[in-house]
Structure formats: C-alpha cells, structure tokens
N, C-alpha and C. Protein backbone atom coordinates (compact mmCIF):
# COMPACT_ATOMS: atom_id res chain seq x y z
N MET A 1 93.98 22.25 -17.91
CA MET A 1 94.18 23.68 -18.08
C MET A 1 94.45 24.31 -16.71
N PRO A 2 95.49 25.14 -16.58
CA PRO A 2 95.81 25.75 -15.29
C PRO A 2 94.72 26.75 -14.88
N PRO A 3 94.59 27.03 -13.58
CA PRO A 3 93.59 27.99 -13.13
C PRO A 3 93.91 29.39 -13.65
N VAL A 4 92.87 30.17 -13.85
CA VAL A 4 93.04 31.53 -14.35
C VAL A 4 93.60 32.41 -13.23
N ASN A 5 94.61 33.17 -13.55
CA ASN A 5 95.19 34.13 -12.62
C ASN A 5 94.42 35.44 -12.79
N GLN A 6 93.40 35.64 -11.94
CA GLN A 6 92.52 36.80 -12.09
C GLN A 6 93.27 38.11 -11.88
N GLN A 7 94.22 38.14 -10.98
CA GLN A 7 95.00 39.37 -10.78
C GLN A 7 95.75 39.75 -12.05
N ARG A 8 96.33 38.78 -12.72
CA ARG A 8 97.06 39.05 -13.96
C ARG A 8 96.09 39.52 -15.04
N ARG A 9 94.94 38.86 -15.15
CA ARG A 9 93.93 39.27 -16.14
C ARG A 9 93.52 40.72 -15.90
N ASP A 10 93.26 41.06 -14.63
CA ASP A 10 92.86 42.43 -14.29
C ASP A 10 93.97 43.42 -14.61
N ALA A 11 95.21 43.06 -14.30
CA ALA A 11 96.34 43.95 -14.59
C ALA A 11 96.49 44.18 -16.09
N LEU A 12 96.30 43.14 -16.87
CA LEU A 12 96.36 43.28 -18.33
C LEU A 12 95.21 44.14 -18.84
N ALA A 13 94.03 43.92 -18.31
CA ALA A 13 92.87 44.74 -18.72
C ALA A 13 93.06 46.19 -18.29
N ASP A 14 93.65 46.42 -17.12
CA ASP A 14 93.94 47.79 -16.68
C ASP A 14 94.93 48.47 -17.63
N ALA A 15 95.93 47.72 -18.08
CA ALA A 15 96.88 48.25 -19.06
C ALA A 15 96.16 48.58 -20.36
N ALA A 16 95.23 47.72 -20.76
CA ALA A 16 94.45 47.97 -21.98
C ALA A 16 93.61 49.24 -21.84
N ILE A 17 93.04 49.46 -20.66
CA ILE A 17 92.27 50.68 -20.42
C ILE A 17 93.16 51.90 -20.61
N ALA A 18 94.36 51.86 -20.06
CA ALA A 18 95.30 52.98 -20.19
C ALA A 18 95.64 53.24 -21.66
N ILE A 19 95.82 52.18 -22.42
CA ILE A 19 96.14 52.33 -23.85
C ILE A 19 94.97 52.94 -24.60
N VAL A 20 93.77 52.42 -24.37
CA VAL A 20 92.59 52.94 -25.07
C VAL A 20 92.36 54.41 -24.70
N ALA A 21 92.59 54.77 -23.44
CA ALA A 21 92.43 56.16 -23.02
C ALA A 21 93.42 57.07 -23.74
N LYS A 22 94.63 56.59 -23.94
CA LYS A 22 95.68 57.41 -24.54
C LYS A 22 95.65 57.40 -26.07
N GLU A 23 95.42 56.21 -26.67
CA GLU A 23 95.57 56.06 -28.11
C GLU A 23 94.29 55.68 -28.85
N GLY A 24 93.23 55.44 -28.12
CA GLY A 24 92.01 54.96 -28.77
C GLY A 24 92.11 53.46 -29.01
N THR A 25 91.04 52.89 -29.52
CA THR A 25 91.03 51.44 -29.72
C THR A 25 92.01 51.01 -30.80
N HIS A 26 92.35 51.92 -31.73
CA HIS A 26 93.30 51.53 -32.78
C HIS A 26 94.70 51.25 -32.21
N GLY A 27 95.00 51.78 -31.03
CA GLY A 27 96.31 51.55 -30.42
C GLY A 27 96.38 50.28 -29.58
N LEU A 28 95.24 49.60 -29.44
CA LEU A 28 95.19 48.42 -28.59
C LEU A 28 95.63 47.18 -29.35
N SER A 29 96.66 46.54 -28.83
CA SER A 29 97.14 45.27 -29.40
C SER A 29 97.72 44.44 -28.26
N HIS A 30 97.91 43.17 -28.53
CA HIS A 30 98.52 42.30 -27.52
C HIS A 30 99.90 42.82 -27.14
N ARG A 31 100.66 43.22 -28.12
CA ARG A 31 102.01 43.72 -27.88
C ARG A 31 102.00 45.00 -27.03
N SER A 32 101.08 45.94 -27.36
CA SER A 32 101.04 47.19 -26.59
C SER A 32 100.64 46.93 -25.14
N VAL A 33 99.77 45.96 -24.90
CA VAL A 33 99.40 45.62 -23.53
C VAL A 33 100.58 44.98 -22.81
N ASP A 34 101.29 44.07 -23.48
CA ASP A 34 102.48 43.46 -22.87
C ASP A 34 103.46 44.55 -22.43
N GLU A 35 103.70 45.52 -23.31
CA GLU A 35 104.66 46.59 -23.00
C GLU A 35 104.17 47.47 -21.85
N THR A 36 102.91 47.87 -21.91
CA THR A 36 102.36 48.75 -20.87
C THR A 36 102.30 48.06 -19.52
N ALA A 37 101.95 46.78 -19.51
CA ALA A 37 101.86 46.02 -18.26
C ALA A 37 103.22 45.51 -17.79
N ALA A 38 104.24 45.73 -18.61
CA ALA A 38 105.61 45.27 -18.29
C ALA A 38 105.64 43.78 -17.98
N VAL A 39 105.05 43.01 -18.91
CA VAL A 39 105.05 41.55 -18.78
C VAL A 39 105.79 40.96 -19.99
N PRO A 40 106.23 39.72 -19.90
CA PRO A 40 106.92 39.11 -21.03
C PRO A 40 106.06 39.10 -22.30
N LYS A 41 106.73 39.25 -23.42
CA LYS A 41 106.07 39.21 -24.72
C LYS A 41 105.25 37.92 -24.84
N GLY A 42 104.02 38.05 -25.28
CA GLY A 42 103.14 36.90 -25.46
C GLY A 42 102.20 36.64 -24.29
N THR A 43 102.42 37.34 -23.18
CA THR A 43 101.57 37.12 -22.00
C THR A 43 100.12 37.46 -22.29
N THR A 44 99.89 38.61 -22.89
CA THR A 44 98.51 39.04 -23.16
C THR A 44 97.80 38.07 -24.08
N SER A 45 98.49 37.59 -25.10
CA SER A 45 97.85 36.65 -26.03
C SER A 45 97.57 35.30 -25.36
N ASN A 46 98.29 34.97 -24.30
CA ASN A 46 97.98 33.76 -23.55
C ASN A 46 96.66 33.89 -22.79
N TYR A 47 96.34 35.10 -22.37
CA TYR A 47 95.10 35.34 -21.62
C TYR A 47 93.93 35.68 -22.53
N PHE A 48 94.20 36.41 -23.60
CA PHE A 48 93.16 36.86 -24.52
C PHE A 48 93.61 36.50 -25.93
N ARG A 49 93.05 35.45 -26.49
CA ARG A 49 93.56 34.84 -27.72
C ARG A 49 93.40 35.72 -28.96
N SER A 50 92.43 36.60 -28.98
CA SER A 50 92.22 37.43 -30.16
C SER A 50 92.09 38.90 -29.73
N ARG A 51 92.16 39.78 -30.69
CA ARG A 51 91.98 41.20 -30.39
C ARG A 51 90.56 41.45 -29.89
N ASP A 52 89.58 40.75 -30.48
CA ASP A 52 88.20 40.89 -30.01
C ASP A 52 88.08 40.48 -28.54
N ALA A 53 88.76 39.39 -28.17
CA ALA A 53 88.73 38.95 -26.77
C ALA A 53 89.37 39.99 -25.86
N LEU A 54 90.42 40.65 -26.35
CA LEU A 54 91.09 41.70 -25.58
C LEU A 54 90.17 42.91 -25.43
N LEU A 55 89.51 43.30 -26.51
CA LEU A 55 88.55 44.41 -26.43
C LEU A 55 87.43 44.10 -25.45
N GLU A 56 86.89 42.90 -25.54
CA GLU A 56 85.81 42.48 -24.65
C GLU A 56 86.28 42.51 -23.19
N ALA A 57 87.49 42.05 -22.93
CA ALA A 57 88.03 42.07 -21.57
C ALA A 57 88.20 43.50 -21.07
N THR A 58 88.58 44.39 -21.97
CA THR A 58 88.74 45.80 -21.61
C THR A 58 87.39 46.39 -21.22
N VAL A 59 86.38 46.11 -22.03
CA VAL A 59 85.02 46.58 -21.73
C VAL A 59 84.57 46.02 -20.39
N ARG A 60 84.73 44.74 -20.19
CA ARG A 60 84.28 44.11 -18.94
C ARG A 60 85.00 44.69 -17.72
N ARG A 61 86.27 45.01 -17.87
CA ARG A 61 87.01 45.59 -16.75
C ARG A 61 86.53 47.00 -16.45
N VAL A 62 86.29 47.80 -17.48
CA VAL A 62 85.75 49.14 -17.26
C VAL A 62 84.42 49.04 -16.53
N VAL A 63 83.56 48.14 -16.98
CA VAL A 63 82.25 47.96 -16.35
C VAL A 63 82.42 47.51 -14.90
N GLN A 64 83.30 46.54 -14.67
CA GLN A 64 83.53 46.04 -13.31
C GLN A 64 83.99 47.17 -12.38
N LEU A 65 84.96 47.95 -12.82
CA LEU A 65 85.47 49.04 -12.00
C LEU A 65 84.39 50.08 -11.72
N HIS A 66 83.57 50.34 -12.73
CA HIS A 66 82.47 51.29 -12.56
C HIS A 66 81.48 50.79 -11.51
N PHE A 67 81.05 49.53 -11.64
CA PHE A 67 80.10 48.95 -10.67
C PHE A 67 80.68 48.97 -9.26
N GLU A 68 81.93 48.60 -9.11
CA GLU A 68 82.57 48.59 -7.79
C GLU A 68 82.57 49.98 -7.17
N TRP A 69 82.86 50.97 -7.98
CA TRP A 69 82.92 52.34 -7.50
C TRP A 69 81.54 52.83 -7.07
N ILE A 70 80.54 52.61 -7.91
CA ILE A 70 79.18 53.03 -7.57
C ILE A 70 78.72 52.33 -6.30
N SER A 71 78.99 51.05 -6.18
CA SER A 71 78.61 50.29 -4.98
C SER A 71 79.29 50.85 -3.74
N GLN A 72 80.55 51.22 -3.86
CA GLN A 72 81.28 51.81 -2.74
C GLN A 72 80.66 53.14 -2.31
N LEU A 73 80.32 53.98 -3.28
CA LEU A 73 79.71 55.27 -2.96
C LEU A 73 78.37 55.08 -2.26
N ARG A 74 77.60 54.12 -2.73
CA ARG A 74 76.30 53.83 -2.08
C ARG A 74 76.53 53.33 -0.66
N ALA A 75 77.49 52.45 -0.46
CA ALA A 75 77.76 51.88 0.86
C ALA A 75 78.20 52.97 1.85
N GLU A 76 78.94 53.95 1.36
CA GLU A 76 79.39 55.05 2.21
C GLU A 76 78.21 55.84 2.77
N ARG A 77 77.09 55.76 2.09
CA ARG A 77 75.88 56.47 2.53
C ARG A 77 74.87 55.51 3.16
N ASP A 78 75.34 54.35 3.54
CA ASP A 78 74.47 53.33 4.15
C ASP A 78 73.28 52.99 3.27
N GLY A 79 73.44 53.14 1.97
CA GLY A 79 72.38 52.80 1.03
C GLY A 79 71.26 53.82 0.96
N THR A 80 71.32 54.87 1.78
CA THR A 80 70.27 55.88 1.80
C THR A 80 70.38 56.77 0.57
N LEU A 81 69.27 56.89 -0.13
CA LEU A 81 69.28 57.73 -1.33
C LEU A 81 68.08 58.66 -1.34
N ASP A 82 68.09 59.60 -0.42
CA ASP A 82 67.09 60.64 -0.53
C ASP A 82 67.55 61.58 -1.64
N ARG A 83 66.76 62.55 -1.95
CA ARG A 83 67.07 63.44 -3.07
C ARG A 83 68.43 64.11 -2.89
N THR A 84 68.71 64.60 -1.71
CA THR A 84 69.98 65.30 -1.45
C THR A 84 71.17 64.37 -1.67
N ALA A 85 71.10 63.17 -1.12
CA ALA A 85 72.20 62.21 -1.29
C ALA A 85 72.39 61.85 -2.75
N LEU A 86 71.30 61.67 -3.46
CA LEU A 86 71.37 61.33 -4.88
C LEU A 86 72.10 62.41 -5.67
N VAL A 87 71.72 63.65 -5.47
CA VAL A 87 72.35 64.76 -6.19
C VAL A 87 73.83 64.84 -5.84
N GLU A 88 74.16 64.70 -4.56
CA GLU A 88 75.56 64.78 -4.13
C GLU A 88 76.40 63.64 -4.72
N ILE A 89 75.86 62.42 -4.71
CA ILE A 89 76.61 61.28 -5.26
C ILE A 89 76.85 61.46 -6.75
N LEU A 90 75.82 61.83 -7.47
CA LEU A 90 75.99 61.98 -8.92
C LEU A 90 76.96 63.11 -9.26
N ALA A 91 76.92 64.19 -8.50
CA ALA A 91 77.88 65.27 -8.73
C ALA A 91 79.30 64.78 -8.46
N GLN A 92 79.47 64.02 -7.38
CA GLN A 92 80.79 63.45 -7.06
C GLN A 92 81.26 62.50 -8.16
N VAL A 93 80.36 61.66 -8.64
CA VAL A 93 80.72 60.71 -9.70
C VAL A 93 81.22 61.46 -10.93
N LEU A 94 80.51 62.50 -11.35
CA LEU A 94 80.94 63.23 -12.54
C LEU A 94 82.25 63.97 -12.30
N ASP A 95 82.40 64.58 -11.13
CA ASP A 95 83.67 65.26 -10.83
C ASP A 95 84.84 64.28 -10.88
N GLU A 96 84.70 63.15 -10.20
CA GLU A 96 85.80 62.19 -10.12
C GLU A 96 86.00 61.41 -11.41
N SER A 97 84.96 61.32 -12.23
CA SER A 97 85.10 60.63 -13.52
C SER A 97 86.04 61.36 -14.45
N VAL A 98 86.13 62.67 -14.31
CA VAL A 98 87.01 63.43 -15.21
C VAL A 98 88.29 63.90 -14.52
N THR A 99 88.48 63.48 -13.28
CA THR A 99 89.72 63.83 -12.58
C THR A 99 90.41 62.55 -12.09
N VAL A 100 89.93 62.00 -11.01
CA VAL A 100 90.55 60.82 -10.40
C VAL A 100 90.55 59.62 -11.35
N HIS A 101 89.45 59.40 -12.04
CA HIS A 101 89.30 58.22 -12.91
C HIS A 101 89.25 58.61 -14.39
N LYS A 102 89.96 59.65 -14.73
CA LYS A 102 89.91 60.22 -16.08
C LYS A 102 90.21 59.19 -17.17
N ASP A 103 91.28 58.41 -17.02
CA ASP A 103 91.62 57.42 -18.05
C ASP A 103 90.52 56.38 -18.22
N ARG A 104 89.95 55.94 -17.11
CA ARG A 104 88.89 54.93 -17.19
C ARG A 104 87.70 55.44 -18.02
N TYR A 105 87.28 56.67 -17.76
CA TYR A 105 86.10 57.16 -18.44
C TYR A 105 86.40 57.68 -19.85
N ARG A 106 87.62 58.11 -20.09
CA ARG A 106 88.01 58.42 -21.46
C ARG A 106 88.00 57.12 -22.28
N ALA A 107 88.54 56.05 -21.70
CA ALA A 107 88.51 54.75 -22.37
C ALA A 107 87.07 54.30 -22.59
N MET A 108 86.22 54.53 -21.60
CA MET A 108 84.82 54.14 -21.74
C MET A 108 84.17 54.85 -22.93
N MET A 109 84.45 56.14 -23.08
CA MET A 109 83.89 56.88 -24.22
C MET A 109 84.42 56.32 -25.53
N GLU A 110 85.71 56.03 -25.58
CA GLU A 110 86.31 55.42 -26.78
C GLU A 110 85.63 54.08 -27.09
N LEU A 111 85.42 53.29 -26.05
CA LEU A 111 84.80 51.98 -26.24
C LEU A 111 83.33 52.11 -26.64
N LEU A 112 82.65 53.12 -26.12
CA LEU A 112 81.26 53.35 -26.56
C LEU A 112 81.22 53.68 -28.05
N LEU A 113 82.15 54.50 -28.49
CA LEU A 113 82.20 54.82 -29.93
C LEU A 113 82.52 53.57 -30.74
N GLU A 114 83.47 52.76 -30.26
CA GLU A 114 83.78 51.50 -30.93
C GLU A 114 82.56 50.58 -30.93
N GLY A 115 81.77 50.67 -29.87
CA GLY A 115 80.56 49.86 -29.77
C GLY A 115 79.52 50.18 -30.82
N THR A 116 79.59 51.37 -31.39
CA THR A 116 78.64 51.69 -32.47
C THR A 116 78.96 50.88 -33.72
N ARG A 117 80.19 50.36 -33.79
CA ARG A 117 80.60 49.52 -34.92
C ARG A 117 80.64 48.04 -34.54
N ARG A 118 80.58 47.74 -33.25
CA ARG A 118 80.65 46.36 -32.76
C ARG A 118 79.53 46.14 -31.74
N PRO A 119 78.43 45.60 -32.17
CA PRO A 119 77.27 45.45 -31.28
C PRO A 119 77.55 44.67 -30.00
N GLU A 120 78.46 43.70 -30.04
CA GLU A 120 78.74 42.91 -28.84
C GLU A 120 79.38 43.77 -27.74
N LEU A 121 80.16 44.77 -28.13
CA LEU A 121 80.73 45.69 -27.14
C LEU A 121 79.68 46.67 -26.65
N HIS A 122 78.84 47.09 -27.55
CA HIS A 122 77.79 48.06 -27.21
C HIS A 122 76.90 47.54 -26.09
N ALA A 123 76.47 46.30 -26.20
CA ALA A 123 75.56 45.72 -25.20
C ALA A 123 76.19 45.73 -23.81
N THR A 124 77.46 45.41 -23.73
CA THR A 124 78.14 45.39 -22.43
C THR A 124 78.27 46.79 -21.86
N LEU A 125 78.60 47.75 -22.70
CA LEU A 125 78.76 49.12 -22.23
C LEU A 125 77.44 49.76 -21.83
N VAL A 126 76.37 49.40 -22.49
CA VAL A 126 75.06 49.92 -22.11
C VAL A 126 74.76 49.54 -20.66
N ASP A 127 75.21 48.36 -20.25
CA ASP A 127 75.03 47.93 -18.86
C ASP A 127 75.67 48.91 -17.89
N THR A 128 76.79 49.48 -18.27
CA THR A 128 77.48 50.43 -17.40
C THR A 128 76.61 51.65 -17.16
N PHE A 129 76.07 52.19 -18.21
CA PHE A 129 75.27 53.39 -18.05
C PHE A 129 73.93 53.08 -17.40
N THR A 130 73.44 51.89 -17.63
CA THR A 130 72.22 51.47 -16.95
C THR A 130 72.47 51.38 -15.45
N SER A 131 73.68 51.00 -15.06
CA SER A 131 74.00 50.92 -13.63
C SER A 131 73.92 52.29 -12.98
N GLY A 132 74.32 53.31 -13.73
CA GLY A 132 74.19 54.66 -13.21
C GLY A 132 72.73 55.01 -12.99
N VAL A 133 71.89 54.55 -13.89
CA VAL A 133 70.45 54.78 -13.76
C VAL A 133 69.89 53.94 -12.61
N ARG A 134 70.47 52.75 -12.38
CA ARG A 134 70.02 51.92 -11.25
C ARG A 134 70.21 52.65 -9.93
N LEU A 135 71.15 53.56 -9.89
CA LEU A 135 71.35 54.36 -8.69
C LEU A 135 70.04 55.06 -8.33
N LEU A 136 69.26 55.38 -9.33
CA LEU A 136 67.99 56.06 -9.12
C LEU A 136 66.84 55.12 -8.79
N GLN A 137 66.99 53.82 -9.06
CA GLN A 137 65.87 52.88 -8.91
C GLN A 137 65.17 53.01 -7.57
N ASP A 138 65.92 53.05 -6.49
CA ASP A 138 65.29 53.14 -5.18
C ASP A 138 65.49 54.52 -4.55
N ALA A 139 65.89 55.47 -5.38
CA ALA A 139 66.05 56.83 -4.89
C ALA A 139 64.68 57.47 -4.70
N LYS A 140 64.62 58.30 -3.72
CA LYS A 140 63.38 59.02 -3.45
C LYS A 140 63.57 60.46 -3.89
N VAL A 141 62.58 60.95 -4.59
CA VAL A 141 62.60 62.35 -4.96
C VAL A 141 61.89 63.11 -3.84
N ALA A 142 61.76 64.40 -4.00
CA ALA A 142 61.34 65.27 -2.91
C ALA A 142 60.08 64.81 -2.17
N ASP A 143 59.10 64.32 -2.89
CA ASP A 143 57.84 63.95 -2.24
C ASP A 143 57.87 62.54 -1.66
N GLY A 144 59.02 61.88 -1.70
CA GLY A 144 59.15 60.54 -1.15
C GLY A 144 58.82 59.42 -2.12
N SER A 145 58.41 59.78 -3.34
CA SER A 145 58.11 58.75 -4.33
C SER A 145 59.39 58.36 -5.07
N GLU A 146 59.35 57.17 -5.70
CA GLU A 146 60.51 56.72 -6.46
C GLU A 146 60.62 57.52 -7.75
N ALA A 147 61.84 57.62 -8.24
CA ALA A 147 62.08 58.34 -9.50
C ALA A 147 61.32 57.64 -10.62
N SER A 148 60.79 58.44 -11.52
CA SER A 148 60.01 57.90 -12.64
C SER A 148 60.92 57.38 -13.74
N GLU A 149 60.34 56.65 -14.67
CA GLU A 149 61.09 56.16 -15.83
C GLU A 149 61.68 57.34 -16.61
N LYS A 150 60.91 58.40 -16.76
CA LYS A 150 61.39 59.59 -17.47
C LYS A 150 62.58 60.20 -16.74
N GLN A 151 62.51 60.27 -15.42
CA GLN A 151 63.62 60.83 -14.66
C GLN A 151 64.87 59.97 -14.80
N ARG A 152 64.70 58.66 -14.82
CA ARG A 152 65.85 57.77 -15.00
C ARG A 152 66.45 57.93 -16.40
N HIS A 153 65.61 58.10 -17.39
CA HIS A 153 66.09 58.33 -18.76
C HIS A 153 66.87 59.65 -18.83
N LEU A 154 66.30 60.70 -18.26
CA LEU A 154 66.98 61.99 -18.27
C LEU A 154 68.31 61.93 -17.52
N LEU A 155 68.35 61.14 -16.46
CA LEU A 155 69.61 60.98 -15.74
C LEU A 155 70.68 60.41 -16.64
N ARG A 156 70.33 59.40 -17.42
CA ARG A 156 71.31 58.80 -18.32
C ARG A 156 71.82 59.83 -19.33
N VAL A 157 70.91 60.62 -19.88
CA VAL A 157 71.30 61.65 -20.85
C VAL A 157 72.21 62.68 -20.19
N ILE A 158 71.84 63.11 -18.99
CA ILE A 158 72.66 64.08 -18.27
C ILE A 158 74.04 63.50 -17.97
N TYR A 159 74.06 62.26 -17.48
CA TYR A 159 75.33 61.62 -17.11
C TYR A 159 76.25 61.47 -18.32
N VAL A 160 75.75 60.83 -19.37
CA VAL A 160 76.59 60.57 -20.54
C VAL A 160 76.99 61.88 -21.22
N GLY A 161 76.04 62.78 -21.37
CA GLY A 161 76.33 64.05 -22.03
C GLY A 161 77.34 64.89 -21.28
N THR A 162 77.17 64.97 -19.97
CA THR A 162 78.10 65.74 -19.15
C THR A 162 79.48 65.10 -19.16
N LEU A 163 79.52 63.79 -18.98
CA LEU A 163 80.79 63.07 -18.99
C LEU A 163 81.52 63.26 -20.31
N PHE A 164 80.82 63.05 -21.42
CA PHE A 164 81.44 63.20 -22.73
C PHE A 164 81.95 64.63 -22.93
N SER A 165 81.12 65.61 -22.59
CA SER A 165 81.50 67.01 -22.78
C SER A 165 82.77 67.36 -22.02
N TYR A 166 82.86 66.94 -20.77
CA TYR A 166 84.04 67.28 -19.97
C TYR A 166 85.27 66.47 -20.35
N ILE A 167 85.08 65.33 -20.97
CA ILE A 167 86.23 64.56 -21.44
C ILE A 167 86.80 65.16 -22.71
N VAL A 168 85.94 65.58 -23.63
CA VAL A 168 86.44 66.08 -24.91
C VAL A 168 86.67 67.59 -24.94
N LEU A 169 86.08 68.33 -24.02
CA LEU A 169 86.24 69.79 -23.99
C LEU A 169 86.64 70.30 -22.61
N PRO A 170 87.65 69.72 -21.98
CA PRO A 170 87.95 70.10 -20.59
C PRO A 170 88.34 71.57 -20.42
N GLU A 171 89.13 72.11 -21.33
CA GLU A 171 89.56 73.51 -21.20
C GLU A 171 88.40 74.46 -21.43
N GLU A 172 87.58 74.15 -22.42
CA GLU A 172 86.47 75.03 -22.76
C GLU A 172 85.41 75.07 -21.65
N LEU A 173 85.32 74.01 -20.86
CA LEU A 173 84.27 73.93 -19.84
C LEU A 173 84.81 74.11 -18.42
N GLN A 174 86.06 74.53 -18.29
CA GLN A 174 86.68 74.57 -16.97
C GLN A 174 86.08 75.60 -16.02
N ALA A 175 85.35 76.58 -16.52
CA ALA A 175 84.78 77.61 -15.65
C ALA A 175 83.80 77.03 -14.64
N ILE A 176 83.08 76.00 -15.03
CA ILE A 176 82.13 75.33 -14.13
C ILE A 176 82.44 73.85 -14.18
N GLY A 177 82.72 73.27 -13.04
CA GLY A 177 83.09 71.86 -12.98
C GLY A 177 81.92 70.93 -13.29
N PRO A 178 82.22 69.68 -13.62
CA PRO A 178 81.17 68.72 -13.95
C PRO A 178 80.22 68.44 -12.79
N GLY A 179 80.73 68.49 -11.57
CA GLY A 179 79.85 68.27 -10.41
C GLY A 179 78.82 69.37 -10.28
N GLU A 180 79.28 70.61 -10.42
CA GLU A 180 78.35 71.75 -10.34
C GLU A 180 77.35 71.72 -11.50
N THR A 181 77.84 71.39 -12.69
CA THR A 181 76.94 71.26 -13.84
C THR A 181 75.88 70.20 -13.57
N THR A 182 76.31 69.07 -13.03
CA THR A 182 75.39 67.98 -12.72
C THR A 182 74.36 68.41 -11.68
N MET A 183 74.81 69.09 -10.64
CA MET A 183 73.88 69.55 -9.61
C MET A 183 72.85 70.51 -10.20
N THR A 184 73.30 71.38 -11.09
CA THR A 184 72.37 72.32 -11.73
C THR A 184 71.33 71.58 -12.55
N PHE A 185 71.78 70.62 -13.37
CA PHE A 185 70.84 69.82 -14.16
C PHE A 185 69.85 69.08 -13.26
N LEU A 186 70.37 68.40 -12.25
CA LEU A 186 69.51 67.59 -11.39
C LEU A 186 68.53 68.44 -10.60
N ASN A 187 68.99 69.59 -10.13
CA ASN A 187 68.08 70.47 -9.40
C ASN A 187 66.98 71.01 -10.31
N ALA A 188 67.27 71.10 -11.60
CA ALA A 188 66.26 71.58 -12.55
C ALA A 188 65.21 70.51 -12.87
N PHE A 189 65.60 69.23 -12.87
CA PHE A 189 64.62 68.24 -13.30
C PHE A 189 64.10 67.32 -12.20
N LEU A 190 64.75 67.27 -11.05
CA LEU A 190 64.20 66.49 -9.93
C LEU A 190 63.41 67.44 -9.04
N PRO A 191 62.18 67.11 -8.74
CA PRO A 191 61.38 68.01 -7.90
C PRO A 191 62.00 68.20 -6.52
N HIS A 192 61.82 69.38 -5.98
CA HIS A 192 62.33 69.69 -4.63
C HIS A 192 61.29 69.33 -3.60
C-alpha cells in the first residue's frame, strides 16, 4: 500500500469543511469534495472509502485545526494564563471564530448537530469543546487559584452558546460583537 499523502488528505478534508459550512452535511459527498478541491473524479473516494469515513475525516480536521489554533494562541502568550489573559484569549477566539474562521465553526456547528444522530461523530466533537475548557485547566482566577469545575463547565456553555448564537443570528446580534459578549460573560462569572 502506498504511503498516505497527508497534504492531500488535509486538502480534501478542508474542502469538505467548506461544503458542510455552505450546504450542511446533506451536501457532503465524494463528488462534491472532488469538485470543490479541484481534483480528479474519484480522488476523494480513494482516500475516504465511505461517506461515514469522509464525515469522520471532516470532524477530525475541524478538531485538528481548532487544537492548532488554540495552541498557537497560548504560545503567543508564553503559556501564561492569568485572569486577564484568559478573558482576552477567549474573547479573541469567539471574535475570530465568526469572522476569520467562520466556515470552520459553521461546519463545526453543523457537525455537532449531525453528531446528535451519529454518536461516533459526537464523541470526537465533544473533544473540541473540551479543549476550549482545557484552556482553563491551568488558568488562574483573580485570587491565584485554579478555575473550578463549575467555572470550566460554565465556560463551555458560554463558548458554545455564544458561538452558535453569532453563527445563526449574525445580523440580529451585530450591535455587540462576540468578543465583547464573551468578555461581559466572563467578567460576570470569573472573580476579579
């Protein structure tokens, strides 16, 4: 068996993300990925033998891109996560999730909904949101203590709820951006 061309796999999965963001999971097929990625007919099916394998690859790519991005943001701050840095990073993540990375996170929401019908997808996507909560694992709140389990849970609710709201209601919520909304939520529930 020839070695796997990871760049090609990633490019196909990126095309799948774009399709899911635009058309939902019902628009995802081997043919649509071939067309979007501008590769010869049959290329996608050579890499992902079934539609389920293609969906799983799409989920894994969304998760991979999310983890890479969060890791990059942490590295830019030298790993320091005092309360101020935490609030700023999370506000930035929400702002950029609905602007710079809009297709990725729209696809993620579509895949989360699909995951309610496909448990194998759900488990992988839960890891993505757990990674956002991991950002809090070694974060220090105002008094220097680590964030509590309750605070980490509330963070997940704030993150997913804010992200979903701004993806599905962008015009209705445009008066206050997702970053500002996130900062307001976090300032209300993280002690100063």
